[in-house]
Amino acid sequence: MRNLLCVAFLLAVPVVMFAQEDKNPVTDTVKSQLERQQKNIIAAAEEMPADKYSYKPTEQQMTFGHLMAHIAEANRFFCGKLSDTAASTPNEKEEGKPTESKDKLVSDLKASFESCSAALSKMDDSKLGQPVTLFGGHKSNKAGALIGLSNNWADHYSATAMYLRLNGLLPPSAQKK
């Protein structure tokens, strides 16, 4: 009888382990990306000297300050869609928009990531099919908004890293730990 109980226990362990699998693999993955991307993007914003916030690599590109404001706007837009709160559509035509100080832009960037953290804390995979309207009236679902948010972080961090390198600075992810 004792051997039979041991065998039953050993057979039950994998069942319990599989039952504890992640029930929200998509949203949990983006939540883990948030931690890393937030850390790197905010560190990059803090790394760039205040007098370089007006720097832009070419005439056609936005300034570093505008890039920081754009990231904050994109965070608010996508995370507003994910949390069903009003989100303003970023205005891409405001090329010279961010005239705020570095401190104000960094503070706004941090606040935008905090709002994303709050929005994502309420998200689970069961909500990914819910409809949302994205840029230009494009109909999508929360999965599309979540993927757009994740893509934006990667795209914007790579641009941020380029701006830093063009100014002789190492991006946070390239610095030795």
N, C-alpha and C. Protein backbone atom coordinates (compact mmCIF):
# COMPACT_ATOMS: atom_id res chain seq x y z
N MET A 1 0.83 -1.19 0.00
CA MET A 1 0.00 0.00 0.00
C MET A 1 0.88 1.26 0.00
N ARG A 2 1.92 1.21 0.78
CA ARG A 2 2.83 2.35 0.86
C ARG A 2 3.45 2.63 -0.51
N ASN A 3 3.88 1.60 -1.21
CA ASN A 3 4.47 1.76 -2.55
C ASN A 3 3.45 2.34 -3.52
N LEU A 4 2.23 1.90 -3.40
CA LEU A 4 1.18 2.40 -4.28
C LEU A 4 0.94 3.89 -4.05
N LEU A 5 0.97 4.34 -2.81
CA LEU A 5 0.82 5.76 -2.49
C LEU A 5 1.99 6.57 -3.04
N CYS A 6 3.19 6.03 -2.94
CA CYS A 6 4.37 6.72 -3.48
C CYS A 6 4.26 6.88 -4.99
N VAL A 7 3.85 5.83 -5.66
CA VAL A 7 3.69 5.89 -7.11
C VAL A 7 2.61 6.90 -7.47
N ALA A 8 1.50 6.90 -6.77
CA ALA A 8 0.41 7.84 -7.04
C ALA A 8 0.89 9.28 -6.84
N PHE A 9 1.68 9.50 -5.80
CA PHE A 9 2.22 10.83 -5.53
C PHE A 9 3.15 11.27 -6.67
N LEU A 10 4.04 10.38 -7.09
CA LEU A 10 4.98 10.71 -8.15
C LEU A 10 4.26 10.99 -9.47
N LEU A 11 3.18 10.31 -9.71
CA LEU A 11 2.41 10.57 -10.92
C LEU A 11 1.62 11.87 -10.83
N ALA A 12 1.25 12.26 -9.64
CA ALA A 12 0.45 13.48 -9.45
C ALA A 12 1.31 14.74 -9.56
N VAL A 13 2.57 14.68 -9.23
CA VAL A 13 3.44 15.86 -9.24
C VAL A 13 3.46 16.54 -10.61
N PRO A 14 3.70 15.81 -11.72
CA PRO A 14 3.69 16.49 -13.01
C PRO A 14 2.34 17.10 -13.35
N VAL A 15 1.26 16.47 -12.94
CA VAL A 15 -0.07 17.01 -13.21
C VAL A 15 -0.24 18.35 -12.50
N VAL A 16 0.18 18.42 -11.26
CA VAL A 16 0.08 19.67 -10.49
C VAL A 16 0.97 20.74 -11.11
N MET A 17 2.16 20.33 -11.53
CA MET A 17 3.08 21.30 -12.14
C MET A 17 2.50 21.86 -13.43
N PHE A 18 1.93 21.01 -14.28
CA PHE A 18 1.35 21.49 -15.53
C PHE A 18 0.11 22.34 -15.26
N ALA A 19 -0.60 22.06 -14.20
CA ALA A 19 -1.79 22.85 -13.86
C ALA A 19 -1.41 24.26 -13.46
N GLN A 20 -0.16 24.45 -13.02
CA GLN A 20 0.28 25.76 -12.59
C GLN A 20 0.93 26.56 -13.72
N GLU A 21 0.83 26.06 -14.95
CA GLU A 21 1.39 26.78 -16.08
C GLU A 21 0.80 28.17 -16.16
N ASP A 22 1.53 29.06 -16.79
CA ASP A 22 1.09 30.44 -16.97
C ASP A 22 -0.20 30.48 -17.78
N LYS A 23 -1.23 31.02 -17.20
CA LYS A 23 -2.52 31.12 -17.87
C LYS A 23 -2.61 32.37 -18.75
N ASN A 24 -1.64 33.25 -18.62
CA ASN A 24 -1.62 34.51 -19.37
C ASN A 24 -0.25 34.73 -20.02
N PRO A 25 0.15 33.83 -20.91
CA PRO A 25 1.51 33.94 -21.45
C PRO A 25 1.77 35.23 -22.23
N VAL A 26 0.78 35.75 -22.92
CA VAL A 26 1.00 36.95 -23.72
C VAL A 26 1.12 38.18 -22.82
N THR A 27 0.13 38.42 -21.98
CA THR A 27 0.18 39.62 -21.14
C THR A 27 1.31 39.54 -20.13
N ASP A 28 1.59 38.35 -19.61
CA ASP A 28 2.71 38.22 -18.66
C ASP A 28 4.05 38.51 -19.33
N THR A 29 4.18 38.13 -20.59
CA THR A 29 5.42 38.42 -21.31
C THR A 29 5.60 39.92 -21.50
N VAL A 30 4.53 40.61 -21.88
CA VAL A 30 4.64 42.06 -22.06
C VAL A 30 4.89 42.75 -20.71
N LYS A 31 4.29 42.24 -19.66
CA LYS A 31 4.55 42.80 -18.32
C LYS A 31 6.03 42.68 -17.96
N SER A 32 6.64 41.55 -18.33
CA SER A 32 8.07 41.40 -18.03
C SER A 32 8.91 42.30 -18.94
N GLN A 33 8.45 42.53 -20.17
CA GLN A 33 9.14 43.47 -21.06
C GLN A 33 9.07 44.88 -20.50
N LEU A 34 7.93 45.22 -19.91
CA LEU A 34 7.76 46.55 -19.34
C LEU A 34 8.87 46.86 -18.35
N GLU A 35 9.16 45.93 -17.47
CA GLU A 35 10.19 46.16 -16.46
C GLU A 35 11.53 46.51 -17.10
N ARG A 36 11.94 45.72 -18.09
CA ARG A 36 13.24 45.92 -18.74
C ARG A 36 13.24 47.19 -19.58
N GLN A 37 12.20 47.38 -20.38
CA GLN A 37 12.15 48.54 -21.27
C GLN A 37 12.03 49.84 -20.49
N GLN A 38 11.23 49.83 -19.45
CA GLN A 38 11.09 51.03 -18.61
C GLN A 38 12.44 51.40 -18.01
N LYS A 39 13.11 50.42 -17.48
CA LYS A 39 14.43 50.67 -16.87
C LYS A 39 15.40 51.26 -17.88
N ASN A 40 15.48 50.67 -19.07
CA ASN A 40 16.43 51.14 -20.08
C ASN A 40 16.06 52.50 -20.66
N ILE A 41 14.79 52.70 -20.96
CA ILE A 41 14.39 53.97 -21.58
C ILE A 41 14.53 55.12 -20.59
N ILE A 42 14.13 54.91 -19.35
CA ILE A 42 14.28 55.98 -18.35
C ILE A 42 15.75 56.25 -18.07
N ALA A 43 16.56 55.20 -17.97
CA ALA A 43 18.00 55.39 -17.76
C ALA A 43 18.64 56.15 -18.92
N ALA A 44 18.18 55.87 -20.14
CA ALA A 44 18.70 56.60 -21.30
C ALA A 44 18.31 58.07 -21.24
N ALA A 45 17.06 58.34 -20.85
CA ALA A 45 16.61 59.73 -20.72
C ALA A 45 17.43 60.47 -19.67
N GLU A 46 17.76 59.77 -18.60
CA GLU A 46 18.56 60.39 -17.54
C GLU A 46 20.02 60.54 -17.96
N GLU A 47 20.51 59.62 -18.79
CA GLU A 47 21.90 59.64 -19.25
C GLU A 47 22.20 60.83 -20.17
N MET A 48 21.26 61.18 -21.02
CA MET A 48 21.48 62.27 -21.98
C MET A 48 21.54 63.60 -21.22
N PRO A 49 22.61 64.35 -21.42
CA PRO A 49 22.70 65.67 -20.76
C PRO A 49 21.58 66.59 -21.20
N ALA A 50 21.16 67.47 -20.30
CA ALA A 50 20.05 68.38 -20.57
C ALA A 50 20.29 69.23 -21.81
N ASP A 51 21.53 69.65 -22.05
CA ASP A 51 21.81 70.49 -23.21
C ASP A 51 21.76 69.71 -24.52
N LYS A 52 21.64 68.40 -24.46
CA LYS A 52 21.55 67.56 -25.67
C LYS A 52 20.11 67.17 -25.98
N TYR A 53 19.16 67.62 -25.21
CA TYR A 53 17.76 67.29 -25.47
C TYR A 53 17.27 67.97 -26.75
N SER A 54 17.98 68.98 -27.23
CA SER A 54 17.63 69.63 -28.49
C SER A 54 18.36 69.01 -29.68
N TYR A 55 19.18 67.99 -29.43
CA TYR A 55 19.95 67.33 -30.48
C TYR A 55 19.05 66.47 -31.37
N LYS A 56 19.29 66.56 -32.68
CA LYS A 56 18.66 65.63 -33.62
C LYS A 56 19.70 65.28 -34.67
N PRO A 57 19.81 63.99 -34.99
CA PRO A 57 20.86 63.54 -35.90
C PRO A 57 20.78 64.15 -37.30
N THR A 58 19.58 64.34 -37.82
CA THR A 58 19.39 64.97 -39.12
C THR A 58 18.23 65.94 -39.01
N GLU A 59 18.10 66.80 -39.99
CA GLU A 59 17.03 67.79 -39.97
C GLU A 59 15.64 67.13 -39.98
N GLN A 60 15.53 65.95 -40.60
CA GLN A 60 14.24 65.29 -40.71
C GLN A 60 13.82 64.57 -39.42
N GLN A 61 14.76 64.30 -38.54
CA GLN A 61 14.45 63.56 -37.33
C GLN A 61 14.02 64.48 -36.21
N MET A 62 13.34 63.90 -35.22
CA MET A 62 12.91 64.68 -34.06
C MET A 62 14.08 64.86 -33.09
N THR A 63 13.96 65.85 -32.24
CA THR A 63 14.99 66.06 -31.22
C THR A 63 14.89 64.94 -30.19
N PHE A 64 15.94 64.81 -29.39
CA PHE A 64 15.91 63.81 -28.33
C PHE A 64 14.77 64.11 -27.36
N GLY A 65 14.57 65.38 -27.04
CA GLY A 65 13.47 65.77 -26.16
C GLY A 65 12.12 65.40 -26.74
N HIS A 66 11.96 65.60 -28.06
CA HIS A 66 10.71 65.23 -28.71
C HIS A 66 10.53 63.72 -28.67
N LEU A 67 11.62 62.98 -28.84
CA LEU A 67 11.54 61.51 -28.76
C LEU A 67 11.06 61.08 -27.38
N MET A 68 11.55 61.72 -26.32
CA MET A 68 11.12 61.37 -24.96
C MET A 68 9.63 61.68 -24.79
N ALA A 69 9.19 62.84 -25.29
CA ALA A 69 7.77 63.21 -25.20
C ALA A 69 6.92 62.23 -26.03
N HIS A 70 7.43 61.84 -27.18
CA HIS A 70 6.73 60.89 -28.05
C HIS A 70 6.56 59.54 -27.38
N ILE A 71 7.59 59.07 -26.71
CA ILE A 71 7.50 57.78 -26.01
C ILE A 71 6.43 57.86 -24.92
N ALA A 72 6.43 58.94 -24.16
CA ALA A 72 5.43 59.12 -23.10
C ALA A 72 4.02 59.16 -23.70
N GLU A 73 3.85 59.88 -24.81
CA GLU A 73 2.54 59.94 -25.46
C GLU A 73 2.09 58.57 -25.96
N ALA A 74 3.02 57.83 -26.57
CA ALA A 74 2.68 56.49 -27.08
C ALA A 74 2.30 55.56 -25.93
N ASN A 75 3.03 55.65 -24.81
CA ASN A 75 2.68 54.84 -23.64
C ASN A 75 1.27 55.15 -23.17
N ARG A 76 0.96 56.44 -23.05
CA ARG A 76 -0.38 56.82 -22.60
C ARG A 76 -1.45 56.37 -23.59
N PHE A 77 -1.17 56.47 -24.88
CA PHE A 77 -2.14 56.08 -25.89
C PHE A 77 -2.43 54.59 -25.82
N PHE A 78 -1.39 53.77 -25.95
CA PHE A 78 -1.60 52.32 -25.96
C PHE A 78 -2.13 51.81 -24.62
N CYS A 79 -1.58 52.29 -23.53
CA CYS A 79 -2.02 51.79 -22.22
C CYS A 79 -3.41 52.30 -21.88
N GLY A 80 -3.78 53.46 -22.41
CA GLY A 80 -5.15 53.92 -22.27
C GLY A 80 -6.11 53.00 -23.00
N LYS A 81 -5.71 52.54 -24.16
CA LYS A 81 -6.54 51.60 -24.91
C LYS A 81 -6.66 50.26 -24.16
N LEU A 82 -5.58 49.83 -23.55
CA LEU A 82 -5.60 48.56 -22.83
C LEU A 82 -6.43 48.63 -21.56
N SER A 83 -6.49 49.82 -20.95
CA SER A 83 -7.23 49.95 -19.69
C SER A 83 -8.61 50.55 -19.89
N ASP A 84 -9.00 50.80 -21.13
CA ASP A 84 -10.30 51.39 -21.45
C ASP A 84 -10.48 52.78 -20.85
N THR A 85 -9.39 53.52 -20.74
CA THR A 85 -9.49 54.92 -20.29
C THR A 85 -9.24 55.82 -21.49
N ALA A 86 -9.68 57.04 -21.38
CA ALA A 86 -9.48 57.99 -22.49
C ALA A 86 -8.00 58.17 -22.74
N ALA A 87 -7.64 58.05 -23.98
CA ALA A 87 -6.23 58.23 -24.36
C ALA A 87 -6.20 59.16 -25.55
N SER A 88 -5.42 60.21 -25.42
CA SER A 88 -5.31 61.13 -26.55
C SER A 88 -4.44 60.49 -27.63
N THR A 89 -4.73 60.83 -28.86
CA THR A 89 -3.92 60.34 -29.97
C THR A 89 -2.70 61.22 -30.08
N PRO A 90 -1.51 60.63 -30.10
CA PRO A 90 -0.30 61.45 -30.25
C PRO A 90 -0.35 62.28 -31.52
N ASN A 91 0.12 63.51 -31.43
CA ASN A 91 0.12 64.41 -32.57
C ASN A 91 1.52 64.44 -33.17
N GLU A 92 1.70 63.67 -34.24
CA GLU A 92 3.00 63.56 -34.88
C GLU A 92 3.42 64.86 -35.58
N LYS A 93 2.51 65.78 -35.81
CA LYS A 93 2.84 66.99 -36.54
C LYS A 93 3.51 68.04 -35.66
N GLU A 94 3.50 67.83 -34.36
CA GLU A 94 4.11 68.80 -33.45
C GLU A 94 5.60 68.55 -33.34
N GLU A 95 6.32 68.84 -34.42
CA GLU A 95 7.75 68.52 -34.50
C GLU A 95 8.57 69.19 -33.40
N GLY A 96 8.34 70.45 -33.13
CA GLY A 96 9.15 71.14 -32.14
C GLY A 96 8.54 71.15 -30.76
N LYS A 97 7.53 70.33 -30.53
CA LYS A 97 6.70 70.34 -29.34
C LYS A 97 7.44 70.40 -28.00
N PRO A 98 8.29 69.44 -27.69
CA PRO A 98 8.81 69.41 -26.33
C PRO A 98 9.83 70.52 -26.05
N THR A 99 9.33 71.57 -25.49
CA THR A 99 10.22 72.64 -25.07
C THR A 99 10.42 72.58 -23.57
N GLU A 100 9.84 71.56 -22.94
CA GLU A 100 9.98 71.40 -21.51
C GLU A 100 11.42 71.03 -21.17
N SER A 101 11.74 71.20 -19.92
CA SER A 101 13.08 70.87 -19.44
C SER A 101 13.28 69.35 -19.40
N LYS A 102 14.52 68.95 -19.33
CA LYS A 102 14.84 67.53 -19.19
C LYS A 102 14.11 66.95 -17.99
N ASP A 103 14.15 67.65 -16.86
CA ASP A 103 13.50 67.14 -15.65
C ASP A 103 12.01 66.90 -15.87
N LYS A 104 11.33 67.81 -16.56
CA LYS A 104 9.90 67.67 -16.84
C LYS A 104 9.65 66.49 -17.77
N LEU A 105 10.47 66.36 -18.80
CA LEU A 105 10.29 65.27 -19.76
C LEU A 105 10.56 63.91 -19.12
N VAL A 106 11.58 63.82 -18.28
CA VAL A 106 11.89 62.55 -17.59
C VAL A 106 10.77 62.22 -16.61
N SER A 107 10.27 63.22 -15.90
CA SER A 107 9.17 63.01 -14.97
C SER A 107 7.92 62.51 -15.70
N ASP A 108 7.62 63.12 -16.85
CA ASP A 108 6.47 62.71 -17.65
C ASP A 108 6.66 61.29 -18.20
N LEU A 109 7.87 60.97 -18.60
CA LEU A 109 8.18 59.63 -19.10
C LEU A 109 7.95 58.59 -18.00
N LYS A 110 8.45 58.88 -16.80
CA LYS A 110 8.25 57.96 -15.67
C LYS A 110 6.76 57.78 -15.37
N ALA A 111 6.01 58.88 -15.38
CA ALA A 111 4.57 58.80 -15.11
C ALA A 111 3.86 57.95 -16.17
N SER A 112 4.32 58.06 -17.42
CA SER A 112 3.68 57.28 -18.49
C SER A 112 3.94 55.78 -18.29
N PHE A 113 5.13 55.43 -17.82
CA PHE A 113 5.40 54.02 -17.55
C PHE A 113 4.62 53.53 -16.33
N GLU A 114 4.42 54.40 -15.34
CA GLU A 114 3.60 54.03 -14.19
C GLU A 114 2.16 53.76 -14.62
N SER A 115 1.64 54.57 -15.55
CA SER A 115 0.27 54.33 -16.03
C SER A 115 0.20 53.03 -16.82
N CYS A 116 1.25 52.71 -17.55
CA CYS A 116 1.29 51.43 -18.27
C CYS A 116 1.34 50.27 -17.29
N SER A 117 2.11 50.42 -16.25
CA SER A 117 2.20 49.36 -15.24
C SER A 117 0.83 49.12 -14.62
N ALA A 118 0.11 50.19 -14.32
CA ALA A 118 -1.23 50.06 -13.74
C ALA A 118 -2.18 49.40 -14.75
N ALA A 119 -2.11 49.82 -16.01
CA ALA A 119 -2.99 49.25 -17.03
C ALA A 119 -2.69 47.77 -17.24
N LEU A 120 -1.42 47.43 -17.32
CA LEU A 120 -1.05 46.03 -17.56
C LEU A 120 -1.35 45.14 -16.36
N SER A 121 -1.35 45.70 -15.16
CA SER A 121 -1.65 44.89 -13.98
C SER A 121 -3.08 44.37 -14.01
N LYS A 122 -3.95 45.04 -14.77
CA LYS A 122 -5.36 44.63 -14.87
C LYS A 122 -5.63 43.79 -16.12
N MET A 123 -4.60 43.59 -16.93
CA MET A 123 -4.78 42.85 -18.19
C MET A 123 -4.52 41.37 -17.99
N ASP A 124 -5.29 40.56 -18.70
CA ASP A 124 -5.00 39.13 -18.81
C ASP A 124 -5.38 38.71 -20.23
N ASP A 125 -4.95 37.54 -20.62
CA ASP A 125 -5.14 37.10 -21.99
C ASP A 125 -6.61 36.98 -22.41
N SER A 126 -7.50 36.84 -21.44
CA SER A 126 -8.92 36.72 -21.80
C SER A 126 -9.46 38.01 -22.41
N LYS A 127 -8.76 39.13 -22.24
CA LYS A 127 -9.22 40.43 -22.74
C LYS A 127 -8.62 40.79 -24.11
N LEU A 128 -7.72 39.96 -24.62
CA LEU A 128 -7.00 40.31 -25.83
C LEU A 128 -7.88 40.45 -27.06
N GLY A 129 -9.02 39.82 -27.09
CA GLY A 129 -9.91 39.90 -28.25
C GLY A 129 -10.84 41.10 -28.22
N GLN A 130 -10.84 41.86 -27.13
CA GLN A 130 -11.74 43.01 -27.03
C GLN A 130 -11.34 44.08 -28.05
N PRO A 131 -12.33 44.70 -28.71
CA PRO A 131 -12.02 45.67 -29.76
C PRO A 131 -11.52 47.00 -29.22
N VAL A 132 -10.62 47.61 -29.98
CA VAL A 132 -10.13 48.97 -29.71
C VAL A 132 -9.93 49.67 -31.06
N THR A 133 -9.88 50.98 -31.00
CA THR A 133 -9.58 51.77 -32.19
C THR A 133 -8.20 52.38 -31.99
N LEU A 134 -7.33 52.13 -32.94
CA LEU A 134 -5.96 52.64 -32.85
C LEU A 134 -5.79 53.85 -33.76
N PHE A 135 -4.59 54.17 -34.14
CA PHE A 135 -4.29 55.35 -34.94
C PHE A 135 -5.09 55.40 -36.23
N GLY A 136 -5.53 56.57 -36.57
CA GLY A 136 -6.23 56.77 -37.82
C GLY A 136 -7.56 56.04 -37.92
N GLY A 137 -8.15 55.71 -36.78
CA GLY A 137 -9.42 55.01 -36.77
C GLY A 137 -9.30 53.53 -37.08
N HIS A 138 -8.07 53.02 -37.14
CA HIS A 138 -7.85 51.59 -37.44
C HIS A 138 -8.46 50.72 -36.35
N LYS A 139 -9.35 49.83 -36.76
CA LYS A 139 -10.00 48.91 -35.82
C LYS A 139 -9.07 47.74 -35.54
N SER A 140 -8.90 47.43 -34.29
CA SER A 140 -8.04 46.32 -33.89
C SER A 140 -8.64 45.70 -32.64
N ASN A 141 -7.81 45.02 -31.90
CA ASN A 141 -8.22 44.46 -30.61
C ASN A 141 -7.10 44.73 -29.62
N LYS A 142 -7.33 44.37 -28.38
CA LYS A 142 -6.32 44.66 -27.35
C LYS A 142 -5.02 43.91 -27.60
N ALA A 143 -5.10 42.77 -28.29
CA ALA A 143 -3.86 42.08 -28.67
C ALA A 143 -3.03 42.98 -29.58
N GLY A 144 -3.67 43.63 -30.53
CA GLY A 144 -2.97 44.54 -31.43
C GLY A 144 -2.36 45.72 -30.68
N ALA A 145 -3.10 46.25 -29.71
CA ALA A 145 -2.58 47.36 -28.90
C ALA A 145 -1.39 46.89 -28.06
N LEU A 146 -1.48 45.69 -27.51
CA LEU A 146 -0.41 45.16 -26.68
C LEU A 146 0.86 44.92 -27.51
N ILE A 147 0.68 44.37 -28.70
CA ILE A 147 1.83 44.15 -29.58
C ILE A 147 2.40 45.48 -30.04
N GLY A 148 1.53 46.44 -30.36
CA GLY A 148 2.00 47.77 -30.74
C GLY A 148 2.80 48.43 -29.64
N LEU A 149 2.34 48.29 -28.41
CA LEU A 149 3.05 48.85 -27.26
C LEU A 149 4.44 48.24 -27.13
N SER A 150 4.51 46.93 -27.20
CA SER A 150 5.78 46.22 -27.09
C SER A 150 6.72 46.61 -28.24
N ASN A 151 6.19 46.68 -29.45
CA ASN A 151 7.00 47.09 -30.60
C ASN A 151 7.51 48.51 -30.44
N ASN A 152 6.66 49.39 -29.92
CA ASN A 152 7.08 50.78 -29.71
C ASN A 152 8.24 50.87 -28.74
N TRP A 153 8.19 50.12 -27.66
CA TRP A 153 9.30 50.16 -26.71
C TRP A 153 10.61 49.77 -27.37
N ALA A 154 10.58 48.70 -28.16
CA ALA A 154 11.80 48.25 -28.83
C ALA A 154 12.28 49.29 -29.84
N ASP A 155 11.37 49.80 -30.64
CA ASP A 155 11.73 50.79 -31.66
C ASP A 155 12.27 52.06 -31.01
N HIS A 156 11.57 52.54 -30.00
CA HIS A 156 11.98 53.79 -29.37
C HIS A 156 13.28 53.64 -28.59
N TYR A 157 13.48 52.49 -27.98
CA TYR A 157 14.75 52.32 -27.27
C TYR A 157 15.91 52.26 -28.26
N SER A 158 15.73 51.63 -29.40
CA SER A 158 16.82 51.59 -30.37
C SER A 158 17.14 52.99 -30.89
N ALA A 159 16.11 53.81 -31.10
CA ALA A 159 16.36 55.19 -31.51
C ALA A 159 17.07 55.96 -30.41
N THR A 160 16.63 55.75 -29.18
CA THR A 160 17.25 56.42 -28.04
C THR A 160 18.72 56.03 -27.93
N ALA A 161 19.01 54.75 -28.11
CA ALA A 161 20.39 54.26 -28.04
C ALA A 161 21.24 54.91 -29.13
N MET A 162 20.67 55.07 -30.32
CA MET A 162 21.41 55.71 -31.41
C MET A 162 21.73 57.16 -31.07
N TYR A 163 20.75 57.89 -30.54
CA TYR A 163 21.00 59.29 -30.16
C TYR A 163 22.12 59.37 -29.13
N LEU A 164 22.09 58.47 -28.14
CA LEU A 164 23.14 58.47 -27.13
C LEU A 164 24.50 58.20 -27.76
N ARG A 165 24.60 57.16 -28.58
CA ARG A 165 25.88 56.80 -29.20
C ARG A 165 26.42 57.93 -30.08
N LEU A 166 25.52 58.61 -30.79
CA LEU A 166 25.96 59.73 -31.63
C LEU A 166 26.49 60.90 -30.79
N ASN A 167 26.22 60.87 -29.51
CA ASN A 167 26.73 61.89 -28.59
C ASN A 167 27.83 61.35 -27.68
N GLY A 168 28.41 60.20 -28.07
CA GLY A 168 29.53 59.63 -27.33
C GLY A 168 29.14 58.96 -26.02
N LEU A 169 27.88 58.60 -25.86
CA LEU A 169 27.40 57.97 -24.64
C LEU A 169 26.97 56.53 -24.92
N LEU A 170 27.17 55.66 -23.95
CA LEU A 170 26.73 54.27 -24.08
C LEU A 170 25.29 54.14 -23.62
N PRO A 171 24.47 53.45 -24.39
CA PRO A 171 23.10 53.19 -23.94
C PRO A 171 23.14 52.31 -22.69
N PRO A 172 22.13 52.42 -21.85
CA PRO A 172 22.11 51.63 -20.61
C PRO A 172 22.32 50.14 -20.83
N SER A 173 21.73 49.57 -21.87
CA SER A 173 21.86 48.13 -22.09
C SER A 173 23.27 47.73 -22.54
N ALA A 174 24.08 48.69 -22.95
CA ALA A 174 25.46 48.39 -23.37
C ALA A 174 26.48 48.65 -22.28
N GLN A 175 26.03 49.22 -21.17
CA GLN A 175 26.94 49.53 -20.07
C GLN A 175 27.20 48.27 -19.24
N LYS A 176 28.43 48.19 -18.73
CA LYS A 176 28.77 47.05 -17.88
C LYS A 176 28.00 47.14 -16.58
N LYS A 177 27.55 45.98 -16.13
CA LYS A 177 26.77 45.91 -14.89
C LYS A 177 27.67 46.00 -13.70
